[in-house]
């Protein structure tokens, strides 16, 4: 009986390690995704690459290299165009289509978002994951 409990505990520990590699808990900072998500909202994110991102999905990105230390290390935005898609209006880039290995992201609050309107195409290497679900606010 003790061996069965030990095996179950080892299996549960292994499952937790796998989940930690695949899932990430992110807390929204700032106003860029209002009214959809507000500062303090907690999101469960599935780690993925650009191949796992769908148009319209909420994505988590690594902050760009050289970002001020006061900026959050992760950014929450909405993927609006993927490789091969036409570039939406208002994005100051020379190409008419999103190139391979890039995407276009926008914050839901255009007035308060540092996104593709100012940064242009986002490299695929910045993609950390996609939103799975929002956690209920603490009671």
N, C-alpha and C. Protein backbone atom coordinates (compact mmCIF):
# COMPACT_ATOMS: atom_id res chain seq x y z
N UNK A 1 0.82 -1.19 0.00
CA UNK A 1 0.00 0.00 0.00
C UNK A 1 0.87 1.25 0.00
N UNK A 2 1.96 1.20 0.76
CA UNK A 2 2.86 2.35 0.84
C UNK A 2 3.51 2.62 -0.50
N UNK A 3 3.83 1.56 -1.25
CA UNK A 3 4.44 1.72 -2.58
C UNK A 3 3.47 2.38 -3.54
N UNK A 4 2.20 2.03 -3.44
CA UNK A 4 1.19 2.63 -4.32
C UNK A 4 1.07 4.12 -4.02
N UNK A 5 1.06 4.51 -2.76
CA UNK A 5 0.96 5.92 -2.38
C UNK A 5 2.20 6.67 -2.86
N UNK A 6 3.37 6.07 -2.71
CA UNK A 6 4.61 6.71 -3.18
C UNK A 6 4.61 6.89 -4.69
N UNK A 7 4.12 5.87 -5.41
CA UNK A 7 4.05 5.96 -6.87
C UNK A 7 3.07 7.05 -7.30
N UNK A 8 1.94 7.13 -6.60
CA UNK A 8 0.95 8.17 -6.92
C UNK A 8 1.51 9.55 -6.66
N UNK A 9 2.26 9.69 -5.56
CA UNK A 9 2.87 10.97 -5.24
C UNK A 9 3.91 11.36 -6.29
N UNK A 10 4.72 10.39 -6.71
CA UNK A 10 5.72 10.65 -7.75
C UNK A 10 5.05 11.03 -9.06
N UNK A 11 3.96 10.36 -9.40
CA UNK A 11 3.23 10.67 -10.62
C UNK A 11 2.64 12.07 -10.56
N UNK A 12 2.07 12.44 -9.42
CA UNK A 12 1.51 13.78 -9.26
C UNK A 12 2.60 14.84 -9.36
N UNK A 13 3.76 14.57 -8.75
CA UNK A 13 4.88 15.50 -8.84
C UNK A 13 5.35 15.66 -10.28
N UNK A 14 5.42 14.56 -11.01
CA UNK A 14 5.81 14.62 -12.42
C UNK A 14 4.80 15.41 -13.24
N UNK A 15 3.52 15.21 -12.96
CA UNK A 15 2.48 15.95 -13.68
C UNK A 15 2.59 17.45 -13.41
N UNK A 16 2.89 17.82 -12.18
CA UNK A 16 3.06 19.24 -11.85
C UNK A 16 4.24 19.84 -12.61
N UNK A 17 5.32 19.10 -12.73
CA UNK A 17 6.47 19.61 -13.48
C UNK A 17 6.11 19.84 -14.95
N UNK A 18 5.38 18.90 -15.53
CA UNK A 18 4.95 19.04 -16.93
C UNK A 18 4.05 20.26 -17.07
N UNK A 19 3.10 20.43 -16.16
CA UNK A 19 2.19 21.58 -16.22
C UNK A 19 2.94 22.89 -16.09
N UNK A 20 3.93 22.94 -15.21
CA UNK A 20 4.69 24.18 -15.04
C UNK A 20 5.46 24.53 -16.30
N UNK A 21 5.87 23.55 -17.05
CA UNK A 21 6.57 23.82 -18.31
C UNK A 21 5.61 24.27 -19.39
N UNK A 22 4.37 23.84 -19.31
CA UNK A 22 3.38 24.16 -20.35
C UNK A 22 2.51 25.35 -20.01
N UNK A 23 2.32 25.63 -18.73
CA UNK A 23 1.41 26.70 -18.32
C UNK A 23 2.17 27.77 -17.54
N UNK A 24 1.62 28.95 -17.59
CA UNK A 24 2.24 30.10 -16.93
C UNK A 24 1.11 30.95 -16.35
N UNK A 25 1.29 31.45 -15.16
CA UNK A 25 0.33 32.37 -14.56
C UNK A 25 0.87 33.78 -14.75
N UNK A 26 0.07 34.64 -15.40
CA UNK A 26 0.48 36.01 -15.72
C UNK A 26 -0.51 36.97 -15.07
N UNK A 27 0.02 38.01 -14.45
CA UNK A 27 -0.82 39.07 -13.89
C UNK A 27 -0.73 40.28 -14.83
N UNK A 28 -1.88 40.78 -15.25
CA UNK A 28 -1.93 41.92 -16.18
C UNK A 28 -1.43 43.16 -15.45
N UNK A 29 -0.57 43.91 -16.13
CA UNK A 29 -0.10 45.19 -15.62
C UNK A 29 -0.49 46.27 -16.63
N UNK A 30 -0.90 47.41 -16.15
CA UNK A 30 -1.21 48.52 -17.04
C UNK A 30 -2.61 48.48 -17.61
N UNK A 31 -2.85 49.40 -18.55
CA UNK A 31 -4.20 49.62 -19.09
C UNK A 31 -4.34 49.22 -20.55
N UNK A 32 -3.32 48.61 -21.14
CA UNK A 32 -3.33 48.38 -22.59
C UNK A 32 -4.42 47.43 -23.07
N UNK A 33 -4.94 46.57 -22.19
CA UNK A 33 -5.96 45.60 -22.62
C UNK A 33 -7.34 45.91 -22.07
N UNK A 34 -7.52 47.10 -21.47
CA UNK A 34 -8.85 47.49 -20.99
C UNK A 34 -9.76 47.74 -22.17
N UNK A 35 -11.03 47.43 -22.10
CA UNK A 35 -11.78 46.96 -20.95
C UNK A 35 -11.77 45.44 -20.79
N UNK A 36 -11.14 44.71 -21.71
CA UNK A 36 -11.16 43.25 -21.65
C UNK A 36 -10.48 42.73 -20.39
N UNK A 37 -9.27 43.21 -20.13
CA UNK A 37 -8.51 42.81 -18.94
C UNK A 37 -7.97 44.06 -18.27
N UNK A 38 -8.04 44.08 -16.95
CA UNK A 38 -7.57 45.24 -16.18
C UNK A 38 -6.34 44.85 -15.38
N UNK A 39 -5.60 45.86 -14.94
CA UNK A 39 -4.44 45.63 -14.09
C UNK A 39 -4.84 44.77 -12.90
N UNK A 40 -4.04 43.74 -12.64
CA UNK A 40 -4.33 42.84 -11.53
C UNK A 40 -5.05 41.57 -11.94
N UNK A 41 -5.67 41.56 -13.12
CA UNK A 41 -6.32 40.33 -13.59
C UNK A 41 -5.25 39.25 -13.76
N UNK A 42 -5.61 38.02 -13.42
CA UNK A 42 -4.67 36.91 -13.54
C UNK A 42 -5.12 35.99 -14.67
N UNK A 43 -4.16 35.61 -15.50
CA UNK A 43 -4.43 34.82 -16.70
C UNK A 43 -3.61 33.53 -16.68
N UNK A 44 -4.24 32.45 -17.09
CA UNK A 44 -3.50 31.20 -17.30
C UNK A 44 -3.14 31.16 -18.78
N UNK A 45 -1.85 31.00 -19.04
CA UNK A 45 -1.32 31.06 -20.40
C UNK A 45 -0.67 29.72 -20.74
N UNK A 46 -0.96 29.23 -21.94
CA UNK A 46 -0.31 28.01 -22.45
C UNK A 46 0.90 28.43 -23.25
N UNK A 47 2.06 27.95 -22.85
CA UNK A 47 3.28 28.28 -23.60
C UNK A 47 3.17 27.70 -25.00
N UNK A 48 3.59 28.48 -25.98
CA UNK A 48 3.54 28.03 -27.37
C UNK A 48 4.49 28.87 -28.21
N UNK A 49 4.57 28.51 -29.46
CA UNK A 49 5.34 29.27 -30.44
C UNK A 49 4.35 29.99 -31.35
N UNK A 50 4.86 30.71 -32.32
CA UNK A 50 3.99 31.42 -33.27
C UNK A 50 3.03 30.45 -33.96
N UNK A 51 3.45 29.22 -34.19
CA UNK A 51 2.58 28.23 -34.85
C UNK A 51 1.31 27.95 -34.05
N UNK A 52 1.34 28.16 -32.73
CA UNK A 52 0.17 27.92 -31.90
C UNK A 52 -0.72 29.14 -31.70
N UNK A 53 -0.40 30.24 -32.37
CA UNK A 53 -1.17 31.48 -32.22
C UNK A 53 -2.20 31.57 -33.33
N UNK A 54 -3.41 31.92 -32.98
CA UNK A 54 -4.49 32.13 -33.95
C UNK A 54 -4.86 33.61 -33.98
N UNK A 55 -5.31 34.07 -35.12
CA UNK A 55 -5.75 35.46 -35.27
C UNK A 55 -6.86 35.74 -34.26
N UNK A 56 -6.73 36.83 -33.54
CA UNK A 56 -7.72 37.21 -32.53
C UNK A 56 -7.40 36.70 -31.14
N UNK A 57 -6.41 35.81 -31.03
CA UNK A 57 -6.05 35.26 -29.72
C UNK A 57 -5.32 36.31 -28.88
N UNK A 58 -5.51 36.22 -27.58
CA UNK A 58 -4.74 37.05 -26.67
C UNK A 58 -3.42 36.32 -26.45
N UNK A 59 -2.32 37.04 -26.68
CA UNK A 59 -0.99 36.44 -26.58
C UNK A 59 -0.18 37.14 -25.49
N UNK A 60 0.76 36.41 -24.95
CA UNK A 60 1.73 36.97 -24.02
C UNK A 60 3.07 36.98 -24.73
N UNK A 61 3.72 38.14 -24.67
CA UNK A 61 4.99 38.35 -25.37
C UNK A 61 6.06 38.73 -24.36
N UNK A 62 7.29 38.35 -24.67
CA UNK A 62 8.42 38.84 -23.89
C UNK A 62 8.61 40.31 -24.25
N UNK A 63 8.95 41.12 -23.29
CA UNK A 63 9.22 42.54 -23.56
C UNK A 63 10.38 42.64 -24.54
N UNK A 64 10.34 43.62 -25.44
CA UNK A 64 11.40 43.74 -26.44
C UNK A 64 12.76 44.02 -25.79
N UNK A 65 13.81 43.56 -26.46
CA UNK A 65 15.17 43.83 -25.98
C UNK A 65 15.35 45.34 -25.88
N UNK A 66 15.99 45.77 -24.84
CA UNK A 66 16.24 47.20 -24.66
C UNK A 66 15.09 47.95 -24.02
N UNK A 67 14.03 47.25 -23.63
CA UNK A 67 12.90 47.92 -22.97
C UNK A 67 13.37 48.45 -21.62
N UNK A 68 12.83 49.58 -21.18
CA UNK A 68 13.22 50.12 -19.87
C UNK A 68 12.97 49.11 -18.76
N UNK A 69 13.83 49.12 -17.76
CA UNK A 69 13.70 48.18 -16.63
C UNK A 69 12.38 48.36 -15.89
N UNK A 70 11.76 49.52 -16.04
CA UNK A 70 10.48 49.77 -15.37
C UNK A 70 9.31 49.11 -16.09
N UNK A 71 9.52 48.70 -17.35
CA UNK A 71 8.46 48.02 -18.11
C UNK A 71 8.28 46.60 -17.59
N UNK A 72 7.04 46.06 -17.71
CA UNK A 72 6.84 44.67 -17.28
C UNK A 72 7.61 43.72 -18.20
N UNK A 73 8.07 42.58 -17.67
CA UNK A 73 8.84 41.64 -18.49
C UNK A 73 7.99 40.91 -19.52
N UNK A 74 6.67 40.87 -19.29
CA UNK A 74 5.75 40.22 -20.22
C UNK A 74 4.66 41.21 -20.62
N UNK A 75 4.25 41.13 -21.88
CA UNK A 75 3.20 42.00 -22.41
C UNK A 75 2.01 41.16 -22.83
N UNK A 76 0.81 41.66 -22.59
CA UNK A 76 -0.42 40.98 -23.00
C UNK A 76 -1.04 41.80 -24.12
N UNK A 77 -1.23 41.18 -25.28
CA UNK A 77 -1.78 41.87 -26.46
C UNK A 77 -2.68 40.91 -27.22
N UNK A 78 -3.31 41.42 -28.28
CA UNK A 78 -4.16 40.59 -29.14
C UNK A 78 -3.48 40.43 -30.50
N UNK A 79 -3.35 39.19 -30.96
CA UNK A 79 -2.77 38.92 -32.29
C UNK A 79 -3.82 39.27 -33.34
N UNK A 80 -3.51 40.23 -34.21
CA UNK A 80 -4.49 40.65 -35.22
C UNK A 80 -4.08 40.25 -36.63
N UNK A 81 -2.81 39.91 -36.84
CA UNK A 81 -2.37 39.47 -38.17
C UNK A 81 -1.17 38.54 -38.00
N UNK A 82 -1.20 37.45 -38.76
CA UNK A 82 -0.16 36.43 -38.71
C UNK A 82 0.59 36.40 -40.04
N UNK A 83 1.68 35.64 -40.13
CA UNK A 83 2.46 35.61 -41.37
C UNK A 83 1.56 35.35 -42.60
N UNK A 84 1.75 36.18 -43.62
CA UNK A 84 0.97 36.07 -44.85
C UNK A 84 -0.31 36.88 -44.87
N UNK A 85 -0.78 37.34 -43.70
CA UNK A 85 -2.00 38.15 -43.63
C UNK A 85 -1.71 39.56 -44.13
N UNK A 86 -2.74 40.25 -44.64
CA UNK A 86 -2.57 41.67 -44.96
C UNK A 86 -2.31 42.47 -43.68
N UNK A 87 -1.52 43.51 -43.79
CA UNK A 87 -1.22 44.35 -42.64
C UNK A 87 -2.41 45.27 -42.39
N UNK A 88 -2.93 45.29 -41.17
CA UNK A 88 -4.05 46.19 -40.86
C UNK A 88 -3.64 47.65 -41.00
N UNK A 89 -4.60 48.50 -41.25
CA UNK A 89 -4.33 49.93 -41.34
C UNK A 89 -3.80 50.47 -40.03
N UNK A 90 -2.99 51.51 -40.12
CA UNK A 90 -2.45 52.14 -38.93
C UNK A 90 -1.15 51.54 -38.43
N UNK A 91 -0.66 50.52 -39.10
CA UNK A 91 0.61 49.90 -38.70
C UNK A 91 1.68 50.41 -39.66
N UNK A 92 2.65 51.19 -39.15
CA UNK A 92 3.63 51.83 -40.02
C UNK A 92 4.77 50.89 -40.44
N UNK A 93 4.49 50.04 -41.42
CA UNK A 93 5.50 49.13 -41.94
C UNK A 93 5.50 49.22 -43.46
N UNK A 94 6.64 48.92 -44.10
CA UNK A 94 6.70 49.04 -45.55
C UNK A 94 6.02 47.90 -46.30
N UNK A 95 5.86 46.75 -45.66
CA UNK A 95 5.28 45.58 -46.34
C UNK A 95 3.76 45.62 -46.29
N UNK A 96 3.13 45.03 -47.29
CA UNK A 96 1.66 44.95 -47.30
C UNK A 96 1.17 43.67 -46.65
N UNK A 97 2.06 42.72 -46.49
CA UNK A 97 1.73 41.44 -45.85
C UNK A 97 2.69 41.20 -44.70
N UNK A 98 2.20 40.50 -43.69
CA UNK A 98 3.05 40.17 -42.54
C UNK A 98 4.07 39.13 -43.00
N UNK A 99 5.36 39.41 -42.82
CA UNK A 99 6.38 38.45 -43.26
C UNK A 99 6.44 37.21 -42.38
N UNK A 100 7.07 36.17 -42.90
CA UNK A 100 7.26 34.93 -42.14
C UNK A 100 8.00 35.25 -40.84
N UNK A 101 7.61 34.55 -39.78
CA UNK A 101 8.29 34.72 -38.50
C UNK A 101 7.94 36.00 -37.76
N UNK A 102 6.87 36.67 -38.18
CA UNK A 102 6.44 37.92 -37.53
C UNK A 102 4.94 37.88 -37.33
N UNK A 103 4.44 38.78 -36.46
CA UNK A 103 3.00 38.96 -36.29
C UNK A 103 2.73 40.40 -35.93
N UNK A 104 1.46 40.76 -36.00
CA UNK A 104 1.01 42.10 -35.62
C UNK A 104 0.12 41.94 -34.40
N UNK A 105 0.42 42.72 -33.35
CA UNK A 105 -0.37 42.68 -32.12
C UNK A 105 -0.85 44.07 -31.76
N UNK A 106 -2.02 44.13 -31.17
CA UNK A 106 -2.59 45.40 -30.71
C UNK A 106 -3.15 45.22 -29.31
N UNK A 107 -3.08 46.27 -28.51
CA UNK A 107 -3.77 46.28 -27.23
C UNK A 107 -5.22 46.68 -27.48
N UNK A 108 -6.12 46.22 -26.65
CA UNK A 108 -7.53 46.57 -26.82
C UNK A 108 -7.78 48.04 -26.53
N UNK A 109 -6.91 48.68 -25.77
CA UNK A 109 -7.03 50.10 -25.43
C UNK A 109 -5.97 50.85 -26.25
N UNK A 110 -6.34 51.26 -27.45
CA UNK A 110 -5.38 51.85 -28.40
C UNK A 110 -4.64 53.06 -27.83
N UNK A 111 -5.30 53.84 -27.01
CA UNK A 111 -4.67 55.05 -26.48
C UNK A 111 -3.60 54.75 -25.43
N UNK A 112 -3.60 53.56 -24.86
CA UNK A 112 -2.68 53.25 -23.75
C UNK A 112 -1.85 52.00 -24.04
N UNK A 113 -1.62 51.67 -25.32
CA UNK A 113 -0.93 50.43 -25.63
C UNK A 113 0.31 50.65 -26.48
N UNK A 114 1.43 50.09 -26.02
CA UNK A 114 2.65 50.04 -26.82
C UNK A 114 2.58 48.72 -27.59
N UNK A 115 2.27 48.81 -28.88
CA UNK A 115 2.04 47.60 -29.66
C UNK A 115 2.57 47.79 -31.08
N UNK A 116 2.06 47.06 -32.04
CA UNK A 116 2.57 47.13 -33.42
C UNK A 116 2.36 48.49 -34.06
N UNK A 117 1.46 49.30 -33.52
CA UNK A 117 1.30 50.66 -34.06
C UNK A 117 2.58 51.46 -33.86
N UNK A 118 3.36 51.13 -32.84
CA UNK A 118 4.62 51.83 -32.58
C UNK A 118 5.85 50.97 -32.83
N UNK A 119 5.70 49.65 -32.72
CA UNK A 119 6.84 48.74 -32.86
C UNK A 119 6.90 48.03 -34.20
N UNK A 120 5.82 48.09 -34.97
CA UNK A 120 5.81 47.35 -36.24
C UNK A 120 5.61 45.87 -36.00
N UNK A 121 6.22 45.06 -36.86
CA UNK A 121 6.07 43.61 -36.74
C UNK A 121 6.77 43.10 -35.48
N UNK A 122 6.15 42.12 -34.85
CA UNK A 122 6.71 41.51 -33.64
C UNK A 122 7.36 40.19 -34.03
N UNK A 123 8.61 39.97 -33.61
CA UNK A 123 9.26 38.70 -33.97
C UNK A 123 8.63 37.51 -33.27
N UNK A 124 8.59 36.39 -33.96
CA UNK A 124 8.03 35.16 -33.41
C UNK A 124 8.73 34.76 -32.13
N UNK A 125 10.00 35.10 -32.00
CA UNK A 125 10.76 34.73 -30.80
C UNK A 125 10.25 35.43 -29.55
N UNK A 126 9.45 36.48 -29.69
CA UNK A 126 8.87 37.18 -28.53
C UNK A 126 7.64 36.47 -27.98
N UNK A 127 7.05 35.55 -28.75
CA UNK A 127 5.83 34.87 -28.31
C UNK A 127 6.17 33.92 -27.16
N UNK A 128 5.47 34.12 -26.04
CA UNK A 128 5.63 33.25 -24.88
C UNK A 128 4.48 32.25 -24.83
N UNK A 129 3.25 32.71 -25.11
CA UNK A 129 2.11 31.81 -25.04
C UNK A 129 0.81 32.49 -25.39
N UNK A 130 -0.27 31.71 -25.31
CA UNK A 130 -1.61 32.21 -25.60
C UNK A 130 -2.51 32.00 -24.38
N UNK A 131 -3.47 32.88 -24.24
CA UNK A 131 -4.40 32.83 -23.11
C UNK A 131 -5.25 31.57 -23.17
N UNK A 132 -5.30 30.87 -22.05
CA UNK A 132 -6.23 29.74 -21.91
C UNK A 132 -7.50 30.19 -21.22
N UNK A 133 -7.33 30.91 -20.10
CA UNK A 133 -8.48 31.41 -19.37
C UNK A 133 -8.06 32.44 -18.35
N UNK A 134 -9.03 33.24 -17.97
CA UNK A 134 -8.82 34.22 -16.90
C UNK A 134 -9.24 33.59 -15.60
N UNK A 135 -8.45 33.78 -14.56
CA UNK A 135 -8.82 33.28 -13.24
C UNK A 135 -9.83 34.23 -12.61
N UNK A 136 -10.72 33.68 -11.83
CA UNK A 136 -11.68 34.51 -11.10
C UNK A 136 -10.92 35.40 -10.13
N UNK A 137 -11.37 36.64 -9.94
CA UNK A 137 -10.70 37.51 -8.97
C UNK A 137 -10.78 36.91 -7.58
N UNK A 138 -9.74 37.16 -6.76
CA UNK A 138 -9.79 36.63 -5.39
C UNK A 138 -10.99 37.20 -4.62
N UNK A 139 -11.56 36.37 -3.80
CA UNK A 139 -12.74 36.79 -3.02
C UNK A 139 -12.36 37.66 -1.86
